[in-house]
C-alpha cells in the first residue's frame, strides 16, 4: 500500500483518506480516520480509533503500521504551529507579492524573515497560554457559553 508523505515525514490526511477508501471500502472509515487524525486530545483520539478498530481491524492495523506519530495530531512529538490552508501556492503568492521582483538571495532572506517572525509570534503566544485551550478557542467557548446562558432546563420525568 502506498502512503503519501507530507511535510516533516507526516502523512496528508486527504491522501490517507484516499488510501483508506481504495483499500478498505467502508465509506464511514474515511470520516473516522480524518476525525482521529485531526483530534488533539489523546482520549478523543482513542475513542475514535477504537471505533475504527471495531469497524475494520485490518484498517486499524494499517494505521498502526504507518505509525500514529506520522498521521495523528495527538501523537505528533514536535511543536504544532497549526498552519493550514486550502491552497498553499495561493497563500504564498499573496505573502510574496511585495518581494516577487527581488533577486534570489534577498527573496530567500525575505521568506526566512517572514517565517521566523510568524513562528516566534506563535511560540510566544503559546508560552503565555496556561490553559488547556488556545486563547482563540477559549474565546469561542466563552462566547457560546454566554449565548446559551438564557436557556432553561425542564425535567421531563423522574428518570430523565
N, C-alpha and C. Protein backbone atom coordinates (compact mmCIF):
# COMPACT_ATOMS: atom_id res chain seq x y z
N UNK A 1 0.84 -1.18 0.00
CA UNK A 1 0.00 0.00 0.00
C UNK A 1 0.88 1.24 0.00
N UNK A 2 0.49 2.21 -0.76
CA UNK A 2 1.29 3.42 -0.89
C UNK A 2 0.80 4.48 0.10
N UNK A 3 1.75 5.15 0.76
CA UNK A 3 1.45 6.22 1.68
C UNK A 3 2.07 7.48 1.11
N UNK A 4 1.35 8.58 1.14
CA UNK A 4 1.83 9.83 0.58
C UNK A 4 2.43 10.69 1.68
N UNK A 5 3.75 10.85 1.72
CA UNK A 5 4.36 11.65 2.77
C UNK A 5 4.11 13.14 2.55
N UNK A 6 3.99 13.84 3.65
CA UNK A 6 3.82 15.29 3.60
C UNK A 6 5.02 15.97 4.21
N UNK A 7 4.86 17.16 4.65
CA UNK A 7 5.94 17.93 5.25
C UNK A 7 6.38 17.27 6.54
N UNK A 8 7.68 17.18 6.77
CA UNK A 8 8.21 16.64 8.02
C UNK A 8 7.92 15.16 8.20
N UNK A 9 7.86 14.41 7.12
CA UNK A 9 7.62 12.97 7.16
C UNK A 9 6.26 12.65 7.78
N UNK A 10 5.31 13.51 7.61
CA UNK A 10 3.95 13.26 8.06
C UNK A 10 3.09 12.95 6.85
N UNK A 11 1.93 12.42 7.11
CA UNK A 11 1.06 11.99 6.03
C UNK A 11 -0.12 12.93 5.93
N UNK A 12 -0.39 13.38 4.74
CA UNK A 12 -1.52 14.26 4.47
C UNK A 12 -2.81 13.49 4.71
N UNK A 13 -3.73 14.08 5.46
CA UNK A 13 -4.98 13.42 5.79
C UNK A 13 -5.82 13.14 4.54
N UNK A 14 -5.79 14.04 3.58
CA UNK A 14 -6.55 13.83 2.34
C UNK A 14 -6.05 12.58 1.63
N UNK A 15 -4.74 12.43 1.52
CA UNK A 15 -4.19 11.25 0.84
C UNK A 15 -4.41 9.98 1.67
N UNK A 16 -4.34 10.11 2.98
CA UNK A 16 -4.60 8.96 3.84
C UNK A 16 -6.04 8.49 3.66
N UNK A 17 -6.98 9.44 3.61
CA UNK A 17 -8.38 9.09 3.38
C UNK A 17 -8.56 8.38 2.04
N UNK A 18 -7.85 8.84 1.01
CA UNK A 18 -7.93 8.17 -0.30
C UNK A 18 -7.43 6.74 -0.22
N UNK A 19 -6.34 6.53 0.51
CA UNK A 19 -5.82 5.17 0.70
C UNK A 19 -6.84 4.30 1.41
N UNK A 20 -7.46 4.85 2.45
CA UNK A 20 -8.46 4.10 3.21
C UNK A 20 -9.63 3.73 2.30
N UNK A 21 -10.09 4.70 1.51
CA UNK A 21 -11.23 4.46 0.60
C UNK A 21 -10.90 3.35 -0.39
N UNK A 22 -9.71 3.40 -0.99
CA UNK A 22 -9.40 2.42 -2.02
C UNK A 22 -9.02 1.05 -1.46
N UNK A 23 -8.51 0.99 -0.24
CA UNK A 23 -8.05 -0.29 0.31
C UNK A 23 -9.02 -0.97 1.26
N UNK A 24 -9.94 -0.20 1.85
CA UNK A 24 -10.82 -0.80 2.86
C UNK A 24 -12.31 -0.65 2.55
N UNK A 25 -12.66 0.15 1.58
CA UNK A 25 -14.01 0.23 1.01
C UNK A 25 -15.12 0.76 1.92
N UNK A 26 -15.00 0.71 3.23
CA UNK A 26 -16.06 1.20 4.11
C UNK A 26 -16.05 2.73 4.11
N UNK A 27 -17.09 3.34 3.62
CA UNK A 27 -17.16 4.80 3.45
C UNK A 27 -16.99 5.53 4.79
N UNK A 28 -17.58 5.02 5.83
CA UNK A 28 -17.53 5.69 7.13
C UNK A 28 -16.13 5.67 7.73
N UNK A 29 -15.29 4.73 7.30
CA UNK A 29 -13.91 4.66 7.80
C UNK A 29 -13.13 5.94 7.49
N UNK A 30 -13.31 6.48 6.29
CA UNK A 30 -12.62 7.72 5.91
C UNK A 30 -12.90 8.82 6.91
N UNK A 31 -14.18 8.97 7.24
CA UNK A 31 -14.59 10.00 8.18
C UNK A 31 -13.93 9.79 9.54
N UNK A 32 -13.95 8.56 10.03
CA UNK A 32 -13.37 8.27 11.34
C UNK A 32 -11.85 8.49 11.35
N UNK A 33 -11.18 8.10 10.27
CA UNK A 33 -9.73 8.30 10.19
C UNK A 33 -9.40 9.79 10.21
N UNK A 34 -10.14 10.58 9.44
CA UNK A 34 -9.92 12.04 9.43
C UNK A 34 -10.20 12.63 10.79
N UNK A 35 -11.25 12.17 11.44
CA UNK A 35 -11.59 12.67 12.79
C UNK A 35 -10.48 12.33 13.78
N UNK A 36 -9.99 11.10 13.72
CA UNK A 36 -8.90 10.69 14.61
C UNK A 36 -7.62 11.48 14.31
N UNK A 37 -7.35 11.70 13.04
CA UNK A 37 -6.12 12.41 12.64
C UNK A 37 -6.12 13.85 13.13
N UNK A 38 -7.26 14.49 13.14
CA UNK A 38 -7.33 15.91 13.48
C UNK A 38 -7.56 16.19 14.96
N UNK A 39 -7.76 15.16 15.75
CA UNK A 39 -8.02 15.32 17.18
C UNK A 39 -6.72 15.64 17.92
N UNK A 40 -6.79 16.59 18.84
CA UNK A 40 -5.62 16.97 19.62
C UNK A 40 -5.50 16.18 20.92
N UNK A 41 -6.58 15.79 21.52
CA UNK A 41 -6.57 15.11 22.82
C UNK A 41 -6.50 13.59 22.65
N UNK A 42 -5.66 12.96 23.47
CA UNK A 42 -5.46 11.51 23.38
C UNK A 42 -6.75 10.74 23.64
N UNK A 43 -7.53 11.16 24.63
CA UNK A 43 -8.76 10.46 24.97
C UNK A 43 -9.72 10.44 23.78
N UNK A 44 -9.88 11.59 23.12
CA UNK A 44 -10.75 11.66 21.96
C UNK A 44 -10.20 10.81 20.81
N UNK A 45 -8.86 10.83 20.66
CA UNK A 45 -8.24 10.03 19.62
C UNK A 45 -8.56 8.54 19.83
N UNK A 46 -8.33 8.04 21.05
CA UNK A 46 -8.52 6.62 21.30
C UNK A 46 -9.99 6.21 21.22
N UNK A 47 -10.90 7.10 21.57
CA UNK A 47 -12.33 6.81 21.40
C UNK A 47 -12.63 6.57 19.92
N UNK A 48 -12.15 7.47 19.07
CA UNK A 48 -12.38 7.34 17.63
C UNK A 48 -11.62 6.15 17.05
N UNK A 49 -10.36 5.97 17.49
CA UNK A 49 -9.56 4.87 16.97
C UNK A 49 -10.19 3.52 17.32
N UNK A 50 -10.79 3.41 18.51
CA UNK A 50 -11.46 2.16 18.89
C UNK A 50 -12.68 1.90 18.00
N UNK A 51 -13.36 2.95 17.53
CA UNK A 51 -14.45 2.78 16.58
C UNK A 51 -13.91 2.20 15.26
N UNK A 52 -12.76 2.73 14.83
CA UNK A 52 -12.13 2.23 13.60
C UNK A 52 -11.78 0.76 13.77
N UNK A 53 -11.18 0.43 14.93
CA UNK A 53 -10.76 -0.95 15.20
C UNK A 53 -11.96 -1.89 15.22
N UNK A 54 -13.08 -1.45 15.77
CA UNK A 54 -14.29 -2.26 15.81
C UNK A 54 -14.86 -2.47 14.41
N UNK A 55 -14.85 -1.40 13.62
CA UNK A 55 -15.43 -1.45 12.28
C UNK A 55 -14.57 -2.28 11.32
N UNK A 56 -13.24 -2.10 11.41
CA UNK A 56 -12.35 -2.81 10.49
C UNK A 56 -10.96 -2.97 11.13
N UNK A 57 -10.73 -4.11 11.79
CA UNK A 57 -9.44 -4.32 12.46
C UNK A 57 -8.23 -4.22 11.51
N UNK A 58 -8.41 -4.59 10.25
CA UNK A 58 -7.31 -4.51 9.28
C UNK A 58 -6.93 -3.06 9.02
N UNK A 59 -7.90 -2.20 8.99
CA UNK A 59 -7.63 -0.76 8.79
C UNK A 59 -6.87 -0.21 10.00
N UNK A 60 -7.30 -0.59 11.20
CA UNK A 60 -6.61 -0.14 12.41
C UNK A 60 -5.15 -0.61 12.40
N UNK A 61 -4.93 -1.84 11.97
CA UNK A 61 -3.57 -2.38 11.89
C UNK A 61 -2.74 -1.61 10.87
N UNK A 62 -3.35 -1.28 9.75
CA UNK A 62 -2.69 -0.48 8.70
C UNK A 62 -2.24 0.87 9.28
N UNK A 63 -3.13 1.52 10.03
CA UNK A 63 -2.82 2.83 10.61
C UNK A 63 -1.71 2.71 11.67
N UNK A 64 -1.74 1.64 12.44
CA UNK A 64 -0.68 1.42 13.44
C UNK A 64 0.66 1.16 12.76
N UNK A 65 0.63 0.43 11.65
CA UNK A 65 1.87 0.15 10.92
C UNK A 65 2.51 1.42 10.37
N UNK A 66 1.68 2.38 9.96
CA UNK A 66 2.21 3.66 9.49
C UNK A 66 2.94 4.37 10.63
N UNK A 67 2.38 4.26 11.81
CA UNK A 67 2.92 4.96 12.98
C UNK A 67 2.01 6.13 13.33
N UNK A 68 1.44 6.11 14.51
CA UNK A 68 0.48 7.15 14.90
C UNK A 68 1.08 8.55 14.83
N UNK A 69 2.36 8.66 15.14
CA UNK A 69 3.02 9.97 15.13
C UNK A 69 3.12 10.57 13.74
N UNK A 70 2.91 9.77 12.71
CA UNK A 70 3.02 10.26 11.33
C UNK A 70 1.71 10.78 10.76
N UNK A 71 0.60 10.50 11.42
CA UNK A 71 -0.67 10.94 10.85
C UNK A 71 -1.65 11.53 11.87
N UNK A 72 -1.43 11.31 13.14
CA UNK A 72 -2.37 11.78 14.17
C UNK A 72 -1.78 12.97 14.93
N UNK A 73 -2.49 14.07 14.96
CA UNK A 73 -2.03 15.26 15.69
C UNK A 73 -1.75 14.94 17.16
N UNK A 74 -2.59 14.12 17.75
CA UNK A 74 -2.46 13.84 19.19
C UNK A 74 -1.16 13.09 19.51
N UNK A 75 -0.55 12.47 18.54
CA UNK A 75 0.69 11.71 18.76
C UNK A 75 1.93 12.37 18.16
N UNK A 76 1.74 13.52 17.54
CA UNK A 76 2.88 14.21 16.92
C UNK A 76 3.81 14.73 18.00
N UNK A 77 5.11 14.38 17.97
CA UNK A 77 6.03 14.73 19.06
C UNK A 77 6.53 16.18 19.03
N UNK A 78 6.46 16.86 17.90
CA UNK A 78 7.01 18.21 17.78
C UNK A 78 6.02 19.29 18.15
N UNK A 79 6.45 20.53 17.97
CA UNK A 79 5.57 21.66 18.20
C UNK A 79 4.64 21.81 17.00
N UNK A 80 3.38 22.11 17.28
CA UNK A 80 2.39 22.28 16.22
C UNK A 80 2.08 23.76 16.09
N UNK A 81 2.32 24.30 14.93
CA UNK A 81 2.04 25.72 14.70
C UNK A 81 0.71 25.93 14.00
N UNK A 82 0.03 24.86 13.65
CA UNK A 82 -1.32 24.89 13.12
C UNK A 82 -1.48 25.78 11.89
N UNK A 83 -0.53 25.73 10.99
CA UNK A 83 -0.64 26.47 9.74
C UNK A 83 -1.33 25.56 8.74
N UNK A 84 -2.52 25.94 8.36
CA UNK A 84 -3.25 25.15 7.39
C UNK A 84 -3.88 26.09 6.37
N UNK A 85 -3.90 25.66 5.15
CA UNK A 85 -4.55 26.45 4.11
C UNK A 85 -5.04 25.49 3.04
N UNK A 86 -6.07 25.89 2.34
CA UNK A 86 -6.59 25.01 1.31
C UNK A 86 -5.74 25.07 0.05
N UNK A 87 -5.04 26.18 -0.16
CA UNK A 87 -4.21 26.27 -1.34
C UNK A 87 -2.92 27.00 -0.98
N UNK A 88 -1.91 26.23 -0.67
CA UNK A 88 -0.64 26.78 -0.21
C UNK A 88 0.01 27.70 -1.24
N UNK A 89 -0.09 27.35 -2.50
CA UNK A 89 0.52 28.18 -3.55
C UNK A 89 -0.12 29.57 -3.59
N UNK A 90 -1.44 29.64 -3.49
CA UNK A 90 -2.11 30.94 -3.48
C UNK A 90 -1.74 31.74 -2.24
N UNK A 91 -1.66 31.07 -1.11
CA UNK A 91 -1.31 31.77 0.13
C UNK A 91 0.10 32.36 0.03
N UNK A 92 1.05 31.58 -0.49
CA UNK A 92 2.42 32.09 -0.61
C UNK A 92 2.52 33.18 -1.67
N UNK A 93 1.76 33.07 -2.73
CA UNK A 93 1.75 34.15 -3.73
C UNK A 93 1.34 35.46 -3.08
N UNK A 94 0.36 35.40 -2.21
CA UNK A 94 -0.09 36.60 -1.51
C UNK A 94 1.00 37.15 -0.59
N UNK A 95 1.65 36.26 0.14
CA UNK A 95 2.72 36.67 1.06
C UNK A 95 3.90 37.27 0.30
N UNK A 96 4.25 36.67 -0.83
CA UNK A 96 5.43 37.08 -1.58
C UNK A 96 5.18 38.20 -2.59
N UNK A 97 3.98 38.73 -2.60
CA UNK A 97 3.64 39.76 -3.59
C UNK A 97 4.65 40.91 -3.59
N UNK A 98 4.99 41.42 -2.39
CA UNK A 98 5.90 42.56 -2.32
C UNK A 98 7.35 42.20 -2.65
N UNK A 99 7.72 40.92 -2.55
CA UNK A 99 9.11 40.51 -2.78
C UNK A 99 9.29 39.78 -4.11
N UNK A 100 8.28 39.74 -4.91
CA UNK A 100 8.29 38.95 -6.14
C UNK A 100 9.44 39.31 -7.08
N UNK A 101 9.81 40.57 -7.15
CA UNK A 101 10.84 41.01 -8.09
C UNK A 101 12.25 41.04 -7.47
N UNK A 102 12.38 40.59 -6.23
CA UNK A 102 13.69 40.58 -5.58
C UNK A 102 14.63 39.58 -6.27
N UNK A 103 15.94 39.83 -6.22
CA UNK A 103 16.90 38.79 -6.63
C UNK A 103 16.78 37.60 -5.67
N UNK A 104 17.36 36.46 -6.02
CA UNK A 104 17.18 35.21 -5.28
C UNK A 104 17.58 35.33 -3.80
N UNK A 105 18.76 35.82 -3.49
CA UNK A 105 19.23 35.87 -2.11
C UNK A 105 18.34 36.77 -1.25
N UNK A 106 18.01 38.00 -1.66
CA UNK A 106 17.08 38.81 -0.86
C UNK A 106 15.68 38.17 -0.74
N UNK A 107 15.25 37.44 -1.77
CA UNK A 107 13.96 36.75 -1.71
C UNK A 107 13.97 35.67 -0.63
N UNK A 108 15.04 34.88 -0.61
CA UNK A 108 15.18 33.83 0.41
C UNK A 108 15.24 34.46 1.80
N UNK A 109 15.96 35.56 1.93
CA UNK A 109 16.04 36.25 3.21
C UNK A 109 14.67 36.78 3.63
N UNK A 110 13.89 37.29 2.69
CA UNK A 110 12.53 37.77 2.96
C UNK A 110 11.67 36.62 3.50
N UNK A 111 11.75 35.47 2.83
CA UNK A 111 10.98 34.29 3.25
C UNK A 111 11.40 33.84 4.64
N UNK A 112 12.72 33.77 4.88
CA UNK A 112 13.22 33.37 6.20
C UNK A 112 12.72 34.32 7.28
N UNK A 113 12.81 35.61 7.03
CA UNK A 113 12.36 36.61 8.00
C UNK A 113 10.87 36.48 8.27
N UNK A 114 10.09 36.27 7.24
CA UNK A 114 8.64 36.13 7.38
C UNK A 114 8.30 34.90 8.23
N UNK A 115 8.91 33.76 7.92
CA UNK A 115 8.62 32.53 8.66
C UNK A 115 9.06 32.61 10.11
N UNK A 116 10.28 33.09 10.33
CA UNK A 116 10.76 33.17 11.73
C UNK A 116 9.91 34.15 12.53
N UNK A 117 9.43 35.20 11.90
CA UNK A 117 8.54 36.14 12.59
C UNK A 117 7.22 35.47 12.98
N UNK A 118 6.63 34.74 12.05
CA UNK A 118 5.37 34.05 12.35
C UNK A 118 5.56 33.04 13.48
N UNK A 119 6.61 32.22 13.36
CA UNK A 119 6.83 31.18 14.37
C UNK A 119 7.16 31.77 15.73
N UNK A 120 7.93 32.84 15.76
CA UNK A 120 8.26 33.48 17.04
C UNK A 120 7.01 34.04 17.70
N UNK A 121 6.15 34.66 16.92
CA UNK A 121 4.91 35.22 17.46
C UNK A 121 4.02 34.11 18.02
N UNK A 122 3.89 33.03 17.28
CA UNK A 122 3.04 31.92 17.75
C UNK A 122 3.64 31.20 18.95
N UNK A 123 4.96 31.03 18.96
CA UNK A 123 5.61 30.39 20.09
C UNK A 123 5.43 31.23 21.35
N UNK A 124 5.59 32.54 21.21
CA UNK A 124 5.42 33.46 22.33
C UNK A 124 3.99 33.39 22.87
N UNK A 125 3.01 33.39 21.98
CA UNK A 125 1.61 33.29 22.39
C UNK A 125 1.35 31.95 23.08
N UNK A 126 1.92 30.87 22.56
CA UNK A 126 1.72 29.55 23.15
C UNK A 126 2.35 29.46 24.54
N UNK A 127 3.51 30.07 24.71
CA UNK A 127 4.17 30.03 26.02
C UNK A 127 3.41 30.84 27.06
N UNK A 128 2.71 31.89 26.65
CA UNK A 128 1.93 32.70 27.58
C UNK A 128 0.63 32.00 27.97
N UNK A 129 0.16 31.12 27.13
CA UNK A 129 -1.11 30.44 27.37
C UNK A 129 -0.92 29.33 28.41
N UNK A 130 -1.62 29.42 29.51
CA UNK A 130 -1.51 28.42 30.57
C UNK A 130 -2.70 27.46 30.57
N UNK A 131 -3.71 27.73 29.77
CA UNK A 131 -4.90 26.89 29.74
C UNK A 131 -4.72 25.67 28.86
N UNK A 132 -5.73 24.83 28.86
CA UNK A 132 -5.67 23.63 28.02
C UNK A 132 -6.14 23.92 26.60
N UNK A 133 -6.68 25.14 26.38
CA UNK A 133 -7.14 25.53 25.04
C UNK A 133 -6.41 26.81 24.63
N UNK A 134 -6.35 27.02 23.34
CA UNK A 134 -5.77 28.25 22.83
C UNK A 134 -6.68 29.42 23.20
N UNK A 135 -6.13 30.64 23.26
CA UNK A 135 -6.98 31.80 23.58
C UNK A 135 -8.14 31.96 22.60
N UNK A 136 -7.91 31.67 21.32
CA UNK A 136 -8.98 31.79 20.32
C UNK A 136 -10.11 30.82 20.62
N UNK A 137 -9.78 29.57 20.89
CA UNK A 137 -10.79 28.56 21.19
C UNK A 137 -11.49 28.89 22.51
N UNK A 138 -10.73 29.32 23.49
CA UNK A 138 -11.31 29.71 24.78
C UNK A 138 -12.31 30.85 24.59
N UNK A 139 -11.97 31.82 23.75
CA UNK A 139 -12.88 32.93 23.46
C UNK A 139 -14.15 32.45 22.78
N UNK A 140 -14.01 31.54 21.83
CA UNK A 140 -15.18 30.99 21.14
C UNK A 140 -16.08 30.24 22.13
N UNK A 141 -15.46 29.49 23.03
CA UNK A 141 -16.22 28.73 24.02
C UNK A 141 -16.95 29.68 24.97
N UNK A 142 -16.28 30.73 25.41
CA UNK A 142 -16.89 31.72 26.29
C UNK A 142 -18.07 32.39 25.61
N UNK A 143 -17.90 32.77 24.35
CA UNK A 143 -18.98 33.42 23.59
C UNK A 143 -20.18 32.47 23.47
N UNK A 144 -19.92 31.21 23.14
CA UNK A 144 -21.01 30.23 23.02
C UNK A 144 -21.70 30.03 24.35
N UNK A 145 -20.93 29.98 25.43
CA UNK A 145 -21.49 29.79 26.77
C UNK A 145 -22.40 30.97 27.14
N UNK A 146 -21.93 32.18 26.83
CA UNK A 146 -22.72 33.37 27.13
C UNK A 146 -24.01 33.39 26.32
N UNK A 147 -23.95 32.95 25.07
CA UNK A 147 -25.15 32.93 24.22
C UNK A 147 -26.18 31.91 24.70
N UNK A 148 -25.73 30.85 25.33
CA UNK A 148 -26.67 29.81 25.78
C UNK A 148 -27.09 29.99 27.23
N UNK A 149 -26.61 31.04 27.87
CA UNK A 149 -26.90 31.24 29.30
C UNK A 149 -28.36 31.46 29.62
N UNK A 150 -29.18 31.88 28.68
CA UNK A 150 -30.58 32.17 28.97
C UNK A 150 -31.53 31.00 28.81
N UNK A 151 -31.02 29.85 28.42
CA UNK A 151 -31.90 28.70 28.22
C UNK A 151 -32.23 28.03 29.55
N UNK A 152 -33.50 27.68 29.71
CA UNK A 152 -33.92 26.98 30.92
C UNK A 152 -33.95 25.49 30.66
N UNK A 153 -33.79 24.71 31.72
CA UNK A 153 -33.82 23.26 31.63
C UNK A 153 -35.03 22.76 32.41
N UNK A 154 -35.83 21.96 31.76
CA UNK A 154 -37.03 21.43 32.40
C UNK A 154 -36.91 19.92 32.49
N UNK A 155 -37.12 19.40 33.69
CA UNK A 155 -37.05 17.95 33.88
C UNK A 155 -38.31 17.31 33.30
N UNK A 156 -38.12 16.28 32.49
CA UNK A 156 -39.24 15.64 31.83
C UNK A 156 -39.92 14.64 32.78
N UNK A 157 -39.12 13.83 33.44
CA UNK A 157 -39.65 12.83 34.35
C UNK A 157 -38.61 12.52 35.40
N UNK A 158 -38.91 11.63 36.30
CA UNK A 158 -38.00 11.29 37.40
C UNK A 158 -36.72 10.63 36.91
N UNK A 159 -36.79 9.89 35.81
CA UNK A 159 -35.60 9.18 35.31
C UNK A 159 -34.93 9.87 34.13
N UNK A 160 -35.39 11.05 33.74
CA UNK A 160 -34.81 11.72 32.57
C UNK A 160 -34.32 13.10 32.94
